[in-house]
Amino acid sequence: DLQNLVNEAALLAARRDAQRVARSDFEAAKDKVIMGAERRSMIMNEEDKRITAFHEAGHALIALLTAEHSDPVHKVTIIPRGMALGLTQTLPEEDRLNYTRDQIFAIIRYAMGGRAAEELVFGHFSTGASNDLQQATRWARRMVTEYGMSDRLGPVSYSDGDSDPFLGRDFAQRRDFSEKKSEQIDDEVAQILNEKYDQ
């Protein structure tokens, strides 16, 4: 990873005919490696720019308002990068090996912040939140099925952790619980997501 970062920074410095690689080259290289290449050639209409700006502002505000349990906001951009039209990047101040329940709730609220901002400002929401919803749902499901962090279902793991790499996770995961329990898990995940979105 570091080699890739240094190579990218050196390329950026060479493009500006610099004799040395500057801190700004490393910062731009880091953004490219982590967030994807800028797509400045992509033409966005004013409405898309506005929606993206409020969406990213929603993420940033939630991260700031839940600062006790969230990683600090490092960068907010509405310049398209990779597949994203905009991006809010938070970076931890130190390596994190464990997550508390409050920290996971903060991650879910942060993921929902863009969609909530769109709804509050425009009265509707766009497809721009699809990746955020996937991330929030993944965290909520893991809370319930792997980490035993559900008040309703208790300290039980409903994930055996074994899956066949050739079939994919959803097809091969064994279920050692009933269809009724599966419905309870789905209900609990939905409740967590709705509660955090409402907040």
Protein backbone atom coordinates (compact mmCIF):
# COMPACT_ATOMS: atom_id res chain seq x y z
CA ASP A 1 0.00 0.00 0.00
CA LEU A 2 2.78 2.40 0.89
CA GLN A 3 4.64 1.57 -2.30
CA ASN A 4 1.50 2.30 -4.31
CA LEU A 5 1.05 5.60 -2.44
CA VAL A 6 4.66 6.70 -3.00
CA ASN A 7 4.53 5.76 -6.69
CA GLU A 8 1.30 7.71 -7.15
CA ALA A 9 2.74 10.75 -5.33
CA ALA A 10 5.91 10.60 -7.48
CA LEU A 11 3.79 10.51 -10.64
CA LEU A 12 1.84 13.57 -9.50
CA ALA A 13 5.07 15.43 -8.72
CA ALA A 14 6.53 14.47 -12.13
CA ARG A 15 3.43 15.81 -13.88
CA ARG A 16 4.11 19.22 -12.34
CA ASP A 17 7.81 18.97 -13.27
CA ALA A 18 8.77 19.14 -9.60
CA GLN A 19 12.21 18.18 -8.35
CA ARG A 20 10.77 16.82 -5.09
CA VAL A 21 7.63 15.06 -3.98
CA ALA A 22 5.65 17.44 -1.75
CA ARG A 23 3.19 16.79 1.04
CA SER A 24 0.39 17.92 -1.30
CA ASP A 25 1.41 15.16 -3.74
CA PHE A 26 1.09 12.58 -0.98
CA GLU A 27 -2.29 13.99 0.06
CA ALA A 28 -3.59 13.86 -3.53
CA ALA A 29 -2.14 10.35 -3.96
CA LYS A 30 -3.80 9.17 -0.75
CA ASP A 31 -7.15 10.49 -1.96
CA LYS A 32 -6.74 8.72 -5.29
CA VAL A 33 -5.73 5.42 -3.69
CA ILE A 34 -8.47 5.48 -1.03
CA MET A 35 -11.34 7.22 -2.83
CA GLY A 36 -10.60 6.61 -6.51
CA ALA A 37 -9.48 8.92 -9.29
CA GLU A 38 -11.16 12.30 -9.71
CA ARG A 39 -13.58 12.42 -12.62
CA ARG A 40 -13.51 16.15 -13.35
CA SER A 41 -14.61 15.46 -16.91
CA MET A 42 -17.98 14.19 -15.66
CA ILE A 43 -20.62 16.81 -16.37
CA MET A 44 -23.09 17.17 -13.51
CA ASN A 45 -26.14 19.39 -13.84
CA GLU A 46 -26.87 21.96 -11.12
CA GLU A 47 -29.58 19.83 -9.49
CA ASP A 48 -27.24 16.83 -9.14
CA LYS A 49 -24.52 19.09 -7.72
CA ARG A 50 -26.98 20.53 -5.20
CA ILE A 51 -28.29 17.12 -4.14
CA THR A 52 -24.73 15.79 -3.81
CA ALA A 53 -23.64 18.84 -1.80
CA PHE A 54 -26.48 18.47 0.72
CA HIS A 55 -26.02 14.69 0.83
CA GLU A 56 -22.33 15.01 1.73
CA ALA A 57 -23.08 17.84 4.17
CA GLY A 58 -25.53 15.47 5.90
CA HIS A 59 -22.79 12.90 6.41
CA ALA A 60 -20.37 15.55 7.69
CA LEU A 61 -22.89 17.05 10.11
CA ILE A 62 -23.78 13.68 11.59
CA ALA A 63 -20.10 12.84 12.06
CA LEU A 64 -19.60 16.17 13.83
CA LEU A 65 -22.75 15.84 15.96
CA THR A 66 -21.80 12.31 17.06
CA ALA A 67 -18.10 13.16 17.48
CA GLU A 68 -17.90 11.32 20.80
CA HIS A 69 -18.34 7.99 18.97
CA SER A 70 -17.41 8.91 15.37
CA ASP A 71 -14.14 9.28 13.53
CA PRO A 72 -13.29 12.92 12.71
CA VAL A 73 -14.21 14.31 9.29
CA HIS A 74 -11.08 14.54 7.17
CA LYS A 75 -12.42 15.66 3.79
CA VAL A 76 -15.69 16.48 2.05
CA THR A 77 -15.88 16.74 -1.72
CA ILE A 78 -18.52 16.93 -4.42
CA ILE A 79 -15.99 16.19 -7.13
CA PRO A 80 -16.90 12.74 -8.48
CA ARG A 81 -14.37 10.04 -7.56
CA GLY A 82 -14.54 6.44 -8.65
CA MET A 83 -18.23 5.53 -8.73
CA ALA A 84 -19.26 8.21 -6.21
CA LEU A 85 -20.63 11.65 -7.14
CA GLY A 86 -19.25 13.03 -3.89
CA LEU A 87 -17.59 11.77 -0.76
CA THR A 88 -17.24 12.51 2.93
CA GLN A 89 -14.16 10.87 4.38
CA THR A 90 -13.65 10.26 8.06
CA LEU A 91 -10.35 8.96 9.38
CA PRO A 92 -9.69 7.41 12.78
CA GLU A 93 -7.12 9.09 14.99
CA GLU A 94 -5.70 5.69 15.91
CA ASP A 95 -6.11 2.08 14.86
CA ARG A 96 -9.36 0.57 16.07
CA LEU A 97 -9.48 -3.14 16.79
CA ASN A 98 -12.87 -3.27 18.53
CA TYR A 99 -16.13 -1.38 18.11
CA THR A 100 -18.58 -0.60 20.89
CA ARG A 101 -22.30 -0.64 20.33
CA ASP A 102 -22.38 3.18 20.48
CA GLN A 103 -19.63 3.40 17.86
CA ILE A 104 -21.56 1.10 15.51
CA PHE A 105 -24.73 3.13 16.07
CA ALA A 106 -22.71 6.24 15.16
CA ILE A 107 -21.50 4.54 11.95
CA ILE A 108 -25.08 3.67 11.01
CA ARG A 109 -26.33 7.22 11.73
CA TYR A 110 -23.41 8.62 9.72
CA ALA A 111 -24.29 6.36 6.77
CA MET A 112 -27.93 7.51 6.95
CA GLY A 113 -26.99 11.21 7.25
CA GLY A 114 -26.81 11.86 3.51
CA ARG A 115 -30.24 10.41 2.80
CA ALA A 116 -31.75 12.23 5.79
CA ALA A 117 -30.31 15.55 4.57
CA GLU A 118 -31.79 14.99 1.11
CA GLU A 119 -35.20 14.26 2.62
CA LEU A 120 -35.09 17.30 4.92
CA VAL A 121 -33.94 19.74 2.23
CA PHE A 122 -35.68 18.43 -0.89
CA GLY A 123 -38.59 16.41 0.51
CA HIS A 124 -37.36 13.30 -1.33
CA PHE A 125 -34.21 11.24 -1.65
CA SER A 126 -32.12 10.01 -4.56
CA THR A 127 -30.32 6.84 -5.55
CA GLY A 128 -27.08 8.39 -4.25
CA ALA A 129 -27.63 6.74 -0.87
CA SER A 130 -27.60 3.13 -2.14
CA ASN A 131 -24.05 2.38 -1.00
CA ASP A 132 -24.74 4.10 2.34
CA LEU A 133 -27.79 1.90 2.88
CA GLN A 134 -25.79 -1.23 2.09
CA GLN A 135 -23.13 -0.24 4.59
CA ALA A 136 -25.66 0.64 7.31
CA THR A 137 -27.58 -2.60 6.75
CA ARG A 138 -24.38 -4.65 6.87
CA TRP A 139 -23.41 -3.11 10.23
CA ALA A 140 -26.92 -3.54 11.70
CA ARG A 141 -27.13 -7.17 10.58
CA ARG A 142 -23.70 -7.94 12.03
CA MET A 143 -24.74 -6.33 15.34
CA VAL A 144 -27.70 -8.70 15.53
CA THR A 145 -26.30 -11.90 14.00
CA GLU A 146 -22.59 -11.85 14.90
CA TYR A 147 -21.93 -9.51 17.81
CA GLY A 148 -24.88 -10.34 20.09
CA MET A 149 -25.70 -6.62 20.44
CA SER A 150 -29.47 -6.91 20.12
CA ASP A 151 -31.52 -6.29 23.28
CA ARG A 152 -34.39 -8.30 21.85
CA LEU A 153 -32.46 -11.36 20.64
CA GLY A 154 -29.77 -11.33 23.30
CA PRO A 155 -26.11 -12.35 23.35
CA VAL A 156 -26.39 -15.04 20.70
CA SER A 157 -24.49 -15.46 17.44
CA TYR A 158 -26.65 -16.46 14.49
CA SER A 159 -23.70 -16.68 12.14
CA ASP A 160 -21.57 -19.80 11.91
CA GLY A 161 -18.87 -17.89 10.03
CA ASP A 162 -18.39 -20.71 7.52
CA SER A 163 -19.25 -20.16 3.89
CA ASP A 164 -18.27 -21.75 0.64
CA PRO A 165 -16.10 -19.28 -1.30
CA PHE A 166 -17.29 -20.78 -4.60
CA LEU A 167 -20.99 -20.34 -3.94
CA GLY A 168 -20.96 -16.96 -2.26
CA ARG A 169 -21.95 -15.94 1.21
CA ASP A 170 -25.75 -15.95 0.92
CA PHE A 171 -26.06 -19.34 -0.77
CA ALA A 172 -23.71 -21.35 1.38
CA GLN A 173 -24.28 -20.04 4.87
CA ARG A 174 -25.89 -22.68 7.01
CA ARG A 175 -28.79 -21.59 9.14
CA ASP A 176 -28.98 -23.27 12.52
CA PHE A 177 -32.12 -21.38 13.47
CA SER A 178 -35.79 -21.35 12.53
CA GLU A 179 -37.66 -19.32 9.94
CA LYS A 180 -39.35 -17.50 12.83
CA LYS A 181 -35.96 -16.53 14.25
CA SER A 182 -34.90 -15.36 10.78
CA GLU A 183 -37.96 -13.07 10.69
CA GLN A 184 -37.09 -11.72 14.15
CA ILE A 185 -33.55 -10.99 12.95
CA ASP A 186 -34.90 -9.14 9.90
CA ASP A 187 -37.32 -7.19 12.10
CA GLU A 188 -34.56 -6.24 14.54
CA VAL A 189 -32.24 -5.10 11.73
CA ALA A 190 -35.04 -3.00 10.23
CA GLN A 191 -35.85 -1.51 13.65
CA ILE A 192 -32.23 -0.49 14.24
CA LEU A 193 -31.99 1.09 10.80
CA ASN A 194 -35.30 2.96 11.16
CA GLU A 195 -34.42 4.21 14.66
CA LYS A 196 -31.02 5.51 13.58
CA TYR A 197 -32.50 7.11 10.46
CA ASP A 198 -35.18 8.85 12.55
CA GLN A 199 -32.52 10.17 14.92
